[in-house]
Amino acid sequence: AETDPQELKQARQTISDTIGQWLQ
């Protein structure tokens, strides 16, 4: 299975930002 570390990292960053907004 091919994975794109850069894209995955970007996706995780977006999720982290979303969770951060939820926690506020």
N, C-alpha and C. Protein backbone atom coordinates (compact mmCIF):
# COMPACT_ATOMS: atom_id res chain seq x y z
N ALA A 1 0.86 -1.20 0.00
CA ALA A 1 0.00 0.00 0.00
C ALA A 1 0.88 1.23 0.00
N GLU A 2 0.58 2.12 -0.92
CA GLU A 2 1.38 3.35 -1.00
C GLU A 2 0.77 4.41 -0.08
N THR A 3 1.64 5.08 0.66
CA THR A 3 1.16 6.14 1.55
C THR A 3 1.97 7.40 1.32
N ASP A 4 1.33 8.56 1.45
CA ASP A 4 2.02 9.83 1.25
C ASP A 4 2.22 10.49 2.61
N PRO A 5 3.41 10.37 3.18
CA PRO A 5 3.68 10.91 4.53
C PRO A 5 3.31 12.38 4.63
N GLN A 6 3.63 13.14 3.57
CA GLN A 6 3.37 14.58 3.62
C GLN A 6 1.87 14.85 3.68
N GLU A 7 1.13 14.13 2.83
CA GLU A 7 -0.33 14.34 2.81
C GLU A 7 -0.94 13.87 4.12
N LEU A 8 -0.45 12.75 4.63
CA LEU A 8 -0.98 12.22 5.88
C LEU A 8 -0.70 13.21 7.02
N LYS A 9 0.52 13.75 7.03
CA LYS A 9 0.88 14.71 8.07
C LYS A 9 -0.02 15.94 7.99
N GLN A 10 -0.29 16.40 6.77
CA GLN A 10 -1.14 17.58 6.60
C GLN A 10 -2.55 17.27 7.09
N ALA A 11 -3.04 16.08 6.78
CA ALA A 11 -4.39 15.70 7.20
C ALA A 11 -4.46 15.66 8.73
N ARG A 12 -3.45 15.09 9.36
CA ARG A 12 -3.45 15.01 10.82
C ARG A 12 -3.41 16.41 11.42
N GLN A 13 -2.67 17.33 10.77
CA GLN A 13 -2.59 18.70 11.28
C GLN A 13 -3.97 19.34 11.24
N THR A 14 -4.68 19.11 10.12
CA THR A 14 -6.03 19.69 9.98
C THR A 14 -6.95 19.13 11.07
N ILE A 15 -6.84 17.83 11.32
CA ILE A 15 -7.68 17.21 12.35
C ILE A 15 -7.32 17.79 13.72
N SER A 16 -6.04 17.97 13.98
CA SER A 16 -5.61 18.53 15.26
C SER A 16 -6.20 19.92 15.45
N ASP A 17 -6.18 20.73 14.38
CA ASP A 17 -6.73 22.09 14.46
C ASP A 17 -8.22 22.03 14.77
N THR A 18 -8.92 21.09 14.13
CA THR A 18 -10.37 20.97 14.36
C THR A 18 -10.65 20.57 15.79
N ILE A 19 -9.89 19.60 16.30
CA ILE A 19 -10.07 19.16 17.69
C ILE A 19 -9.78 20.32 18.64
N GLY A 20 -8.77 21.10 18.31
CA GLY A 20 -8.43 22.26 19.15
C GLY A 20 -9.60 23.21 19.27
N GLN A 21 -10.31 23.42 18.16
CA GLN A 21 -11.46 24.33 18.20
C GLN A 21 -12.56 23.72 19.06
N TRP A 22 -12.75 22.41 18.97
CA TRP A 22 -13.78 21.74 19.76
C TRP A 22 -13.49 21.89 21.26
N LEU A 23 -12.20 21.79 21.62
CA LEU A 23 -11.84 21.83 23.04
C LEU A 23 -12.04 23.23 23.61
N GLN A 24 -12.03 24.25 22.77
CA GLN A 24 -12.15 25.61 23.28
C GLN A 24 -13.59 25.93 23.65
